[in-house]
Amino acid sequence: GIEATARELEAAFARHGISRIKSIGEALDPHRHQAMIEIPTDQAEPGIIVEEMQAGYMMKDRLLRPALVGVAKTAD
């Protein structure tokens, strides 16, 4: 039930040109992402997004909601 509803929602978004912002593994872009926390790690370069707390959305080239993300920093 929930998965079918999610697919319908994604299809409706696609019909209106709304897309989800890709975050994990990308460099932090302050125009599309909002950094909520820095996470010390050796698994990624500093400034790379390692966690997504809330999805962000774009309508064509316009930002609807920034993605709330966790960004890697050097481990102490």
N, C-alpha and C. Protein backbone atom coordinates (compact mmCIF):
# COMPACT_ATOMS: atom_id res chain seq x y z
N GLY A 1 0.80 -1.18 0.00
CA GLY A 1 0.00 0.00 0.00
C GLY A 1 0.86 1.26 0.00
N ILE A 2 1.82 1.33 0.92
CA ILE A 2 2.66 2.53 1.04
C ILE A 2 3.55 2.67 -0.19
N GLU A 3 4.11 1.56 -0.67
CA GLU A 3 4.98 1.61 -1.85
C GLU A 3 4.20 2.04 -3.08
N ALA A 4 2.96 1.58 -3.23
CA ALA A 4 2.13 1.98 -4.38
C ALA A 4 1.82 3.47 -4.31
N THR A 5 1.54 3.98 -3.12
CA THR A 5 1.27 5.41 -2.94
C THR A 5 2.51 6.22 -3.28
N ALA A 6 3.69 5.75 -2.85
CA ALA A 6 4.94 6.45 -3.16
C ALA A 6 5.18 6.49 -4.66
N ARG A 7 4.91 5.38 -5.36
CA ARG A 7 5.09 5.35 -6.82
C ARG A 7 4.13 6.33 -7.51
N GLU A 8 2.88 6.39 -7.04
CA GLU A 8 1.91 7.33 -7.60
C GLU A 8 2.35 8.77 -7.39
N LEU A 9 2.85 9.06 -6.19
CA LEU A 9 3.33 10.41 -5.89
C LEU A 9 4.50 10.78 -6.79
N GLU A 10 5.45 9.87 -6.96
CA GLU A 10 6.60 10.12 -7.84
C GLU A 10 6.14 10.35 -9.28
N ALA A 11 5.14 9.59 -9.74
CA ALA A 11 4.63 9.75 -11.10
C ALA A 11 3.95 11.12 -11.25
N ALA A 12 3.21 11.54 -10.25
CA ALA A 12 2.56 12.86 -10.29
C ALA A 12 3.61 13.97 -10.31
N PHE A 13 4.65 13.82 -9.50
CA PHE A 13 5.73 14.80 -9.49
C PHE A 13 6.38 14.88 -10.88
N ALA A 14 6.66 13.72 -11.48
CA ALA A 14 7.31 13.69 -12.80
C ALA A 14 6.44 14.36 -13.85
N ARG A 15 5.13 14.18 -13.79
CA ARG A 15 4.23 14.82 -14.76
C ARG A 15 4.29 16.34 -14.67
N HIS A 16 4.62 16.87 -13.51
CA HIS A 16 4.66 18.31 -13.31
C HIS A 16 6.08 18.88 -13.28
N GLY A 17 7.07 18.05 -13.63
CA GLY A 17 8.45 18.52 -13.72
C GLY A 17 9.16 18.65 -12.39
N ILE A 18 8.67 17.94 -11.37
CA ILE A 18 9.30 17.99 -10.04
C ILE A 18 10.22 16.78 -9.90
N SER A 19 11.46 17.03 -9.50
CA SER A 19 12.43 15.95 -9.34
C SER A 19 13.11 16.04 -7.98
N ARG A 20 13.53 14.88 -7.49
CA ARG A 20 14.24 14.81 -6.22
C ARG A 20 15.71 15.18 -6.44
N ILE A 21 16.28 15.93 -5.50
CA ILE A 21 17.67 16.35 -5.59
C ILE A 21 18.57 15.19 -5.17
N LYS A 22 19.56 14.85 -6.00
CA LYS A 22 20.54 13.83 -5.65
C LYS A 22 21.50 14.42 -4.62
N SER A 23 21.74 13.67 -3.54
CA SER A 23 22.57 14.22 -2.47
C SER A 23 23.75 13.33 -2.10
N ILE A 24 23.52 12.09 -1.73
CA ILE A 24 24.56 11.19 -1.22
C ILE A 24 25.69 11.07 -2.24
N GLY A 25 26.92 11.33 -1.78
CA GLY A 25 28.09 11.21 -2.64
C GLY A 25 28.41 12.46 -3.44
N GLU A 26 27.55 13.46 -3.38
CA GLU A 26 27.76 14.71 -4.10
C GLU A 26 28.47 15.72 -3.21
N ALA A 27 29.11 16.70 -3.83
CA ALA A 27 29.70 17.80 -3.07
C ALA A 27 28.57 18.71 -2.59
N LEU A 28 28.74 19.31 -1.42
CA LEU A 28 27.74 20.22 -0.88
C LEU A 28 27.56 21.41 -1.80
N ASP A 29 26.32 21.65 -2.22
CA ASP A 29 25.98 22.80 -3.05
C ASP A 29 24.98 23.64 -2.25
N PRO A 30 25.40 24.81 -1.75
CA PRO A 30 24.50 25.61 -0.90
C PRO A 30 23.24 26.09 -1.61
N HIS A 31 23.20 25.96 -2.95
CA HIS A 31 22.01 26.34 -3.70
C HIS A 31 20.97 25.21 -3.74
N ARG A 32 21.39 23.98 -3.37
CA ARG A 32 20.48 22.83 -3.39
C ARG A 32 20.44 22.06 -2.08
N HIS A 33 21.47 22.21 -1.25
CA HIS A 33 21.57 21.45 0.00
C HIS A 33 21.69 22.39 1.20
N GLN A 34 21.20 21.94 2.33
CA GLN A 34 21.40 22.66 3.59
C GLN A 34 22.10 21.71 4.55
N ALA A 35 23.33 22.04 4.94
CA ALA A 35 24.11 21.19 5.84
C ALA A 35 23.55 21.31 7.25
N MET A 36 23.21 20.17 7.85
CA MET A 36 22.65 20.14 9.20
C MET A 36 23.68 19.68 10.23
N ILE A 37 24.64 18.87 9.78
CA ILE A 37 25.62 18.29 10.70
C ILE A 37 26.89 17.94 9.93
N GLU A 38 28.03 18.01 10.63
CA GLU A 38 29.29 17.52 10.08
C GLU A 38 29.58 16.18 10.73
N ILE A 39 29.93 15.20 9.91
CA ILE A 39 30.16 13.84 10.39
C ILE A 39 31.63 13.49 10.18
N PRO A 40 32.38 13.25 11.28
CA PRO A 40 33.79 12.86 11.12
C PRO A 40 33.89 11.47 10.50
N THR A 41 34.62 11.35 9.39
CA THR A 41 34.76 10.06 8.71
C THR A 41 36.02 10.03 7.87
N ASP A 42 36.55 8.83 7.67
CA ASP A 42 37.67 8.61 6.76
C ASP A 42 37.17 8.05 5.43
N GLN A 43 35.87 7.78 5.31
CA GLN A 43 35.28 7.13 4.15
C GLN A 43 34.99 8.09 3.00
N ALA A 44 34.99 9.40 3.26
CA ALA A 44 34.69 10.39 2.21
C ALA A 44 35.54 11.64 2.42
N GLU A 45 35.77 12.35 1.34
CA GLU A 45 36.51 13.61 1.40
C GLU A 45 35.67 14.66 2.15
N PRO A 46 36.33 15.60 2.82
CA PRO A 46 35.58 16.68 3.47
C PRO A 46 34.74 17.46 2.45
N GLY A 47 33.53 17.78 2.84
CA GLY A 47 32.63 18.53 1.97
C GLY A 47 31.71 17.66 1.13
N ILE A 48 31.88 16.33 1.20
CA ILE A 48 31.03 15.40 0.46
C ILE A 48 29.85 14.99 1.35
N ILE A 49 28.67 14.91 0.79
CA ILE A 49 27.48 14.54 1.54
C ILE A 49 27.48 13.04 1.80
N VAL A 50 27.36 12.66 3.08
CA VAL A 50 27.36 11.25 3.45
C VAL A 50 26.03 10.79 4.04
N GLU A 51 25.13 11.71 4.34
CA GLU A 51 23.83 11.35 4.91
C GLU A 51 22.77 12.36 4.45
N GLU A 52 21.60 11.83 4.13
CA GLU A 52 20.46 12.69 3.76
C GLU A 52 19.38 12.53 4.83
N MET A 53 19.04 13.63 5.48
CA MET A 53 18.03 13.59 6.53
C MET A 53 16.63 13.87 6.00
N GLN A 54 16.56 14.69 4.97
CA GLN A 54 15.28 15.03 4.35
C GLN A 54 15.52 15.31 2.87
N ALA A 55 14.71 14.71 2.03
CA ALA A 55 14.87 14.88 0.59
C ALA A 55 14.56 16.32 0.18
N GLY A 56 15.24 16.78 -0.85
CA GLY A 56 14.97 18.09 -1.43
C GLY A 56 14.38 17.92 -2.82
N TYR A 57 13.68 18.94 -3.29
CA TYR A 57 13.00 18.85 -4.59
C TYR A 57 13.22 20.10 -5.42
N MET A 58 13.30 19.90 -6.73
CA MET A 58 13.42 20.98 -7.71
C MET A 58 12.23 20.88 -8.66
N MET A 59 11.75 22.04 -9.12
CA MET A 59 10.76 22.08 -10.20
C MET A 59 11.46 22.72 -11.37
N LYS A 60 11.84 21.88 -12.31
CA LYS A 60 12.68 22.28 -13.44
C LYS A 60 13.97 22.89 -12.89
N ASP A 61 14.21 24.19 -13.00
CA ASP A 61 15.43 24.81 -12.48
C ASP A 61 15.20 25.57 -11.18
N ARG A 62 14.00 25.48 -10.63
CA ARG A 62 13.65 26.24 -9.44
C ARG A 62 13.66 25.33 -8.19
N LEU A 63 14.31 25.80 -7.14
CA LEU A 63 14.38 25.04 -5.89
C LEU A 63 13.05 25.16 -5.15
N LEU A 64 12.45 24.00 -4.83
CA LEU A 64 11.23 23.98 -4.02
C LEU A 64 11.57 23.83 -2.55
N ARG A 65 12.49 22.87 -2.27
CA ARG A 65 12.91 22.62 -0.89
C ARG A 65 14.33 22.07 -0.92
N PRO A 66 15.26 22.67 -0.15
CA PRO A 66 16.63 22.13 -0.15
C PRO A 66 16.67 20.79 0.59
N ALA A 67 17.62 19.95 0.21
CA ALA A 67 17.84 18.69 0.91
C ALA A 67 18.59 18.98 2.20
N LEU A 68 18.15 18.39 3.30
CA LEU A 68 18.84 18.54 4.58
C LEU A 68 19.83 17.38 4.69
N VAL A 69 21.12 17.70 4.83
CA VAL A 69 22.16 16.70 4.69
C VAL A 69 23.21 16.75 5.81
N GLY A 70 23.94 15.64 5.93
CA GLY A 70 25.12 15.55 6.79
C GLY A 70 26.35 15.51 5.90
N VAL A 71 27.36 16.31 6.22
CA VAL A 71 28.55 16.47 5.39
C VAL A 71 29.76 15.89 6.10
N ALA A 72 30.63 15.22 5.33
CA ALA A 72 31.85 14.62 5.89
C ALA A 72 32.84 15.70 6.29
N LYS A 73 33.56 15.43 7.39
CA LYS A 73 34.69 16.25 7.78
C LYS A 73 35.82 15.31 8.18
N THR A 74 37.02 15.81 8.27
CA THR A 74 38.14 14.95 8.62
C THR A 74 37.98 14.41 10.03
N ALA A 75 38.31 13.13 10.18
CA ALA A 75 38.22 12.49 11.49
C ALA A 75 39.35 13.01 12.37
N ASP A 76 39.07 13.22 13.62
CA ASP A 76 40.08 13.74 14.56
C ASP A 76 41.04 12.67 15.02
